[in-house]
């Protein structure tokens, strides 16, 4: 798969085949890709909490909020929850002010999701969650600040890229059970 194909296949999936599990070794391999990614000032302030035990996954889910533009849908659907999560945290001992390292969070998240896609899995970056709830459920020490949650599993939904609506809207939507993601055309992006 070319890099462009890999990036196109790496979508925000919100429904998963629960029969496909992710092992700690697989999650560790995904984090290894993030470990090798660039880091602001090379401080490497991010830590990764791997979550694949069913009881922990179930306890973390209520602290997440999915697909804010689709409030009438329960996502993930019951019985189609992620098989695992990786919680990206800032280590406040290394960076008391984590704001300058937000780029690192995105770089690591994308690296992990591309590795997951290459391995036949998929995921969703969840920025809307309760950091305190995640910290409590996962028994994280106070010096670890949850920044982003990556939900991971074997996608069992179709996500399709499309053009923006005639009015220019790029809001994602569902159409006949397919998750439609409008992307602006390239000629609108290049200055």
C-alpha atoms as a PDB file:
ATOM      1  CA  UNK A   1       0.000   0.000   0.000  1.00  0.00           C
ATOM      2  CA  UNK A   2       1.402   3.426  -0.906  1.00  0.00           C
ATOM      3  CA  UNK A   3       1.526   6.172   1.710  1.00  0.00           C
ATOM      4  CA  UNK A   4      -1.336   8.009  -0.026  1.00  0.00           C
ATOM      5  CA  UNK A   5      -3.454   4.822   0.012  1.00  0.00           C
ATOM      6  CA  UNK A   6      -2.610   4.255   3.669  1.00  0.00           C
ATOM      7  CA  UNK A   7      -3.611   7.810   4.612  1.00  0.00           C
ATOM      8  CA  UNK A   8      -6.851   7.508   2.625  1.00  0.00           C
ATOM      9  CA  UNK A   9      -7.685   4.200   4.344  1.00  0.00           C
ATOM     10  CA  UNK A  10      -6.984   5.669   7.790  1.00  0.00           C
ATOM     11  CA  UNK A  11     -10.382   7.193   8.606  1.00  0.00           C
ATOM     12  CA  UNK A  12     -12.184   7.983  11.866  1.00  0.00           C
ATOM     13  CA  UNK A  13     -13.995   4.717  12.522  1.00  0.00           C
ATOM     14  CA  UNK A  14     -16.717   4.601  15.163  1.00  0.00           C
ATOM     15  CA  UNK A  15     -17.965   1.026  14.880  1.00  0.00           C
ATOM     16  CA  UNK A  16     -15.842  -2.082  15.341  1.00  0.00           C
ATOM     17  CA  UNK A  17     -15.977  -5.863  14.962  1.00  0.00           C
ATOM     18  CA  UNK A  18     -15.680  -7.040  18.569  1.00  0.00           C
ATOM     19  CA  UNK A  19     -14.480 -10.493  17.523  1.00  0.00           C
ATOM     20  CA  UNK A  20     -11.136  -8.981  16.443  1.00  0.00           C
ATOM     21  CA  UNK A  21      -8.919  -8.370  19.462  1.00  0.00           C
ATOM     22  CA  UNK A  22      -5.777  -6.274  19.766  1.00  0.00           C
ATOM     23  CA  UNK A  23      -2.942  -7.663  21.866  1.00  0.00           C
ATOM     24  CA  UNK A  24      -0.611  -5.670  24.055  1.00  0.00           C
ATOM     25  CA  UNK A  25       2.190  -6.584  21.623  1.00  0.00           C
ATOM     26  CA  UNK A  26       0.246  -5.065  18.723  1.00  0.00           C
ATOM     27  CA  UNK A  27      -0.472  -1.880  20.689  1.00  0.00           C
ATOM     28  CA  UNK A  28       3.194  -1.697  21.686  1.00  0.00           C
ATOM     29  CA  UNK A  29       4.206  -1.974  18.018  1.00  0.00           C
ATOM     30  CA  UNK A  30       1.903   0.967  17.189  1.00  0.00           C
ATOM     31  CA  UNK A  31       3.474   3.053  19.973  1.00  0.00           C
ATOM     32  CA  UNK A  32       6.927   2.133  18.665  1.00  0.00           C
ATOM     33  CA  UNK A  33       6.007   4.063  15.498  1.00  0.00           C
ATOM     34  CA  UNK A  34       5.056   7.070  17.637  1.00  0.00           C
ATOM     35  CA  UNK A  35       8.286   6.748  19.629  1.00  0.00           C
ATOM     36  CA  UNK A  36      10.288   7.164  16.438  1.00  0.00           C
ATOM     37  CA  UNK A  37       8.301  10.235  15.309  1.00  0.00           C
ATOM     38  CA  UNK A  38       9.626  13.789  15.626  1.00  0.00           C
ATOM     39  CA  UNK A  39       9.260  15.419  19.049  1.00  0.00           C
ATOM     40  CA  UNK A  40       9.342  19.134  19.892  1.00  0.00           C
ATOM     41  CA  UNK A  41      12.842  19.959  21.148  1.00  0.00           C
ATOM     42  CA  UNK A  42      13.213  16.160  21.314  1.00  0.00           C
ATOM     43  CA  UNK A  43      11.923  16.255  24.900  1.00  0.00           C
ATOM     44  CA  UNK A  44       9.615  13.258  24.321  1.00  0.00           C
ATOM     45  CA  UNK A  45       7.096  14.380  26.944  1.00  0.00           C
ATOM     46  CA  UNK A  46       4.349  11.982  25.846  1.00  0.00           C
ATOM     47  CA  UNK A  47       3.530   8.708  27.575  1.00  0.00           C
ATOM     48  CA  UNK A  48       1.113   6.079  26.304  1.00  0.00           C
ATOM     49  CA  UNK A  49      -1.337   4.077  28.425  1.00  0.00           C
ATOM     50  CA  UNK A  50      -2.304   0.868  26.630  1.00  0.00           C
ATOM     51  CA  UNK A  51      -5.828  -0.360  27.322  1.00  0.00           C
ATOM     52  CA  UNK A  52      -7.000  -3.701  25.946  1.00  0.00           C
ATOM     53  CA  UNK A  53      -8.473  -5.528  28.937  1.00  0.00           C
ATOM     54  CA  UNK A  54     -12.239  -5.738  28.352  1.00  0.00           C
ATOM     55  CA  UNK A  55     -13.059  -4.472  31.850  1.00  0.00           C
ATOM     56  CA  UNK A  56     -10.853  -1.383  31.395  1.00  0.00           C
ATOM     57  CA  UNK A  57     -12.206  -0.738  27.900  1.00  0.00           C
ATOM     58  CA  UNK A  58     -15.767  -0.885  29.229  1.00  0.00           C
ATOM     59  CA  UNK A  59     -14.898   1.439  32.124  1.00  0.00           C
ATOM     60  CA  UNK A  60     -13.212   4.011  29.851  1.00  0.00           C
ATOM     61  CA  UNK A  61     -15.968   4.188  27.212  1.00  0.00           C
ATOM     62  CA  UNK A  62     -18.485   6.233  29.293  1.00  0.00           C
ATOM     63  CA  UNK A  63     -15.853   8.958  29.701  1.00  0.00           C
ATOM     64  CA  UNK A  64     -15.648   9.483  25.910  1.00  0.00           C
ATOM     65  CA  UNK A  65     -17.933  11.415  23.569  1.00  0.00           C
ATOM     66  CA  UNK A  66     -18.126  10.436  19.916  1.00  0.00           C
ATOM     67  CA  UNK A  67     -19.130  12.224  16.671  1.00  0.00           C
ATOM     68  CA  UNK A  68     -20.462  15.505  18.012  1.00  0.00           C
ATOM     69  CA  UNK A  69     -22.070  16.303  14.642  1.00  0.00           C
ATOM     70  CA  UNK A  70     -24.269  13.189  14.911  1.00  0.00           C
ATOM     71  CA  UNK A  71     -25.938  13.650  18.315  1.00  0.00           C
ATOM     72  CA  UNK A  72     -28.887  11.386  17.484  1.00  0.00           C
ATOM     73  CA  UNK A  73     -26.672   8.332  16.977  1.00  0.00           C
ATOM     74  CA  UNK A  74     -25.260   6.160  19.727  1.00  0.00           C
ATOM     75  CA  UNK A  75     -21.646   5.760  18.736  1.00  0.00           C
ATOM     76  CA  UNK A  76     -20.127   3.348  18.933  1.00  0.00           C
ATOM     77  CA  UNK A  77     -23.246   1.197  18.529  1.00  0.00           C
ATOM     78  CA  UNK A  78     -23.854  -1.306  21.335  1.00  0.00           C
ATOM     79  CA  UNK A  79     -21.802  -4.431  20.680  1.00  0.00           C
ATOM     80  CA  UNK A  80     -19.441  -2.558  18.324  1.00  0.00           C
ATOM     81  CA  UNK A  81     -17.133  -0.907  20.842  1.00  0.00           C
ATOM     82  CA  UNK A  82     -13.372  -0.583  20.325  1.00  0.00           C
ATOM     83  CA  UNK A  83     -11.192  -3.556  21.196  1.00  0.00           C
ATOM     84  CA  UNK A  84      -8.542  -1.271  22.681  1.00  0.00           C
ATOM     85  CA  UNK A  85      -7.485   2.265  23.428  1.00  0.00           C
ATOM     86  CA  UNK A  86      -4.215   4.122  23.608  1.00  0.00           C
ATOM     87  CA  UNK A  87      -4.399   7.138  25.885  1.00  0.00           C
ATOM     88  CA  UNK A  88      -1.774   9.736  25.003  1.00  0.00           C
ATOM     89  CA  UNK A  89      -0.655  11.647  28.095  1.00  0.00           C
ATOM     90  CA  UNK A  90       1.674  14.555  28.754  1.00  0.00           C
ATOM     91  CA  UNK A  91       4.187  13.915  31.502  1.00  0.00           C
ATOM     92  CA  UNK A  92       3.982  17.130  33.531  1.00  0.00           C
ATOM     93  CA  UNK A  93       7.290  16.306  35.201  1.00  0.00           C
ATOM     94  CA  UNK A  94       8.985  16.806  31.823  1.00  0.00           C
ATOM     95  CA  UNK A  95       6.803  19.703  30.657  1.00  0.00           C
ATOM     96  CA  UNK A  96       4.825  21.535  33.365  1.00  0.00           C
ATOM     97  CA  UNK A  97       3.182  23.508  30.536  1.00  0.00           C
ATOM     98  CA  UNK A  98       2.073  20.905  27.970  1.00  0.00           C
ATOM     99  CA  UNK A  99       0.618  23.442  25.500  1.00  0.00           C
ATOM    100  CA  UNK A 100       3.777  23.753  23.334  1.00  0.00           C
ATOM    101  CA  UNK A 101       3.741  19.978  22.812  1.00  0.00           C
ATOM    102  CA  UNK A 102       0.261  19.648  21.301  1.00  0.00           C
ATOM    103  CA  UNK A 103       1.809  19.154  17.873  1.00  0.00           C
ATOM    104  CA  UNK A 104       3.550  16.091  19.239  1.00  0.00           C
ATOM    105  CA  UNK A 105       0.189  14.657  20.289  1.00  0.00           C
ATOM    106  CA  UNK A 106      -1.092  14.951  16.722  1.00  0.00           C
ATOM    107  CA  UNK A 107       2.074  13.557  15.186  1.00  0.00           C
ATOM    108  CA  UNK A 108       2.020  10.546  17.510  1.00  0.00           C
ATOM    109  CA  UNK A 109      -1.702   9.952  17.050  1.00  0.00           C
ATOM    110  CA  UNK A 110      -1.382   9.970  13.259  1.00  0.00           C
ATOM    111  CA  UNK A 111       1.650   7.661  13.433  1.00  0.00           C
ATOM    112  CA  UNK A 112      -0.259   5.188  15.611  1.00  0.00           C
ATOM    113  CA  UNK A 113      -3.360   5.250  13.411  1.00  0.00           C
ATOM    114  CA  UNK A 114      -1.315   4.731  10.244  1.00  0.00           C
ATOM    115  CA  UNK A 115       0.428   1.757  11.875  1.00  0.00           C
ATOM    116  CA  UNK A 116      -2.947   0.362  12.929  1.00  0.00           C
ATOM    117  CA  UNK A 117      -4.328   0.811   9.410  1.00  0.00           C
ATOM    118  CA  UNK A 118      -1.312  -0.921   7.893  1.00  0.00           C
ATOM    119  CA  UNK A 119      -1.952  -3.849  10.279  1.00  0.00           C
ATOM    120  CA  UNK A 120      -5.592  -4.138   9.165  1.00  0.00           C
ATOM    121  CA  UNK A 121      -7.147  -2.187  12.043  1.00  0.00           C
ATOM    122  CA  UNK A 122      -8.491   1.319  12.374  1.00  0.00           C
ATOM    123  CA  UNK A 123      -9.382   3.859  14.952  1.00  0.00           C
ATOM    124  CA  UNK A 124     -10.690   7.220  15.981  1.00  0.00           C
ATOM    125  CA  UNK A 125      -9.008  10.162  17.693  1.00  0.00           C
ATOM    126  CA  UNK A 126     -11.213  11.189  20.603  1.00  0.00           C
ATOM    127  CA  UNK A 127     -10.531  14.679  21.835  1.00  0.00           C
ATOM    128  CA  UNK A 128     -13.885  15.006  23.567  1.00  0.00           C
ATOM    129  CA  UNK A 129     -13.504  13.064  26.788  1.00  0.00           C
ATOM    130  CA  UNK A 130     -13.231  13.555  30.526  1.00  0.00           C
ATOM    131  CA  UNK A 131      -9.526  13.720  31.441  1.00  0.00           C
ATOM    132  CA  UNK A 132     -10.375  13.289  35.124  1.00  0.00           C
ATOM    133  CA  UNK A 133     -12.619  10.320  34.348  1.00  0.00           C
ATOM    134  CA  UNK A 134      -9.922   8.690  32.220  1.00  0.00           C
ATOM    135  CA  UNK A 135      -7.301   9.361  34.889  1.00  0.00           C
ATOM    136  CA  UNK A 136      -9.512   7.790  37.574  1.00  0.00           C
ATOM    137  CA  UNK A 137     -10.487   4.711  35.554  1.00  0.00           C
ATOM    138  CA  UNK A 138      -6.900   4.046  34.494  1.00  0.00           C
ATOM    139  CA  UNK A 139      -5.403   4.959  37.886  1.00  0.00           C
ATOM    140  CA  UNK A 140      -3.009   7.459  36.310  1.00  0.00           C
ATOM    141  CA  UNK A 141      -0.842   9.528  38.635  1.00  0.00           C
ATOM    142  CA  UNK A 142      -1.476  13.286  38.812  1.00  0.00           C
ATOM    143  CA  UNK A 143       1.647  14.071  36.775  1.00  0.00           C
ATOM    144  CA  UNK A 144       0.159  12.350  33.702  1.00  0.00           C
ATOM    145  CA  UNK A 145      -2.365  14.525  31.858  1.00  0.00           C
ATOM    146  CA  UNK A 146      -4.549  12.629  29.358  1.00  0.00           C
ATOM    147  CA  UNK A 147      -4.435  14.630  26.113  1.00  0.00           C
ATOM    148  CA  UNK A 148      -6.079  12.377  23.517  1.00  0.00           C
ATOM    149  CA  UNK A 149      -7.688   8.952  23.420  1.00  0.00           C
ATOM    150  CA  UNK A 150      -7.253   6.686  20.412  1.00  0.00           C
ATOM    151  CA  UNK A 151     -10.001   4.103  20.067  1.00  0.00           C
ATOM    152  CA  UNK A 152      -8.771   1.085  18.107  1.00  0.00           C
ATOM    153  CA  UNK A 153     -10.231  -2.053  16.588  1.00  0.00           C
ATOM    154  CA  UNK A 154     -11.245  -3.785  13.381  1.00  0.00           C
ATOM    155  CA  UNK A 155     -13.615  -1.344  11.626  1.00  0.00           C
ATOM    156  CA  UNK A 156     -16.978  -2.744  10.629  1.00  0.00           C
ATOM    157  CA  UNK A 157     -18.383   0.357   8.987  1.00  0.00           C
ATOM    158  CA  UNK A 158     -17.841   2.074   5.666  1.00  0.00           C
ATOM    159  CA  UNK A 159     -16.382   5.578   5.601  1.00  0.00           C
ATOM    160  CA  UNK A 160     -16.372   7.337   2.262  1.00  0.00           C
ATOM    161  CA  UNK A 161     -14.696  10.576   1.235  1.00  0.00           C
ATOM    162  CA  UNK A 162     -16.838  12.970  -0.776  1.00  0.00           C
ATOM    163  CA  UNK A 163     -16.861  16.594  -1.919  1.00  0.00           C
ATOM    164  CA  UNK A 164     -18.346  19.383   0.215  1.00  0.00           C
ATOM    165  CA  UNK A 165     -22.081  20.092   0.007  1.00  0.00           C
ATOM    166  CA  UNK A 166     -23.240  22.695  -2.554  1.00  0.00           C
ATOM    167  CA  UNK A 167     -23.335  25.284   0.252  1.00  0.00           C
ATOM    168  CA  UNK A 168     -19.678  24.494   1.058  1.00  0.00           C
ATOM    169  CA  UNK A 169     -20.371  22.538   4.247  1.00  0.00           C
ATOM    170  CA  UNK A 170     -17.729  19.995   5.214  1.00  0.00           C
ATOM    171  CA  UNK A 171     -19.744  18.566   8.130  1.00  0.00           C
ATOM    172  CA  UNK A 172     -19.636  14.772   8.122  1.00  0.00           C
ATOM    173  CA  UNK A 173     -22.946  12.887   7.953  1.00  0.00           C
ATOM    174  CA  UNK A 174     -24.500   9.439   7.538  1.00  0.00           C
ATOM    175  CA  UNK A 175     -26.195   8.371   4.337  1.00  0.00           C
ATOM    176  CA  UNK A 176     -27.723   4.889   4.100  1.00  0.00           C
ATOM    177  CA  UNK A 177     -25.467   3.698   6.932  1.00  0.00           C
ATOM    178  CA  UNK A 178     -22.300   5.014   5.273  1.00  0.00           C
ATOM    179  CA  UNK A 179     -20.258   7.653   7.096  1.00  0.00           C
ATOM    180  CA  UNK A 180     -19.679  10.445   4.568  1.00  0.00           C
ATOM    181  CA  UNK A 181     -16.675  12.737   5.082  1.00  0.00           C
ATOM    182  CA  UNK A 182     -16.545  15.800   2.818  1.00  0.00           C
ATOM    183  CA  UNK A 183     -13.042  16.953   1.895  1.00  0.00           C
ATOM    184  CA  UNK A 184     -12.305  20.279   0.250  1.00  0.00           C
ATOM    185  CA  UNK A 185     -10.836  19.951  -3.256  1.00  0.00           C
ATOM    186  CA  UNK A 186      -7.076  20.350  -3.590  1.00  0.00           C
ATOM    187  CA  UNK A 187      -7.384  23.564  -5.614  1.00  0.00           C
ATOM    188  CA  UNK A 188      -9.054  25.220  -2.588  1.00  0.00           C
ATOM    189  CA  UNK A 189      -6.170  24.267  -0.300  1.00  0.00           C
ATOM    190  CA  UNK A 190      -3.074  25.255  -2.236  1.00  0.00           C
ATOM    191  CA  UNK A 191      -2.353  28.981  -2.116  1.00  0.00           C
END
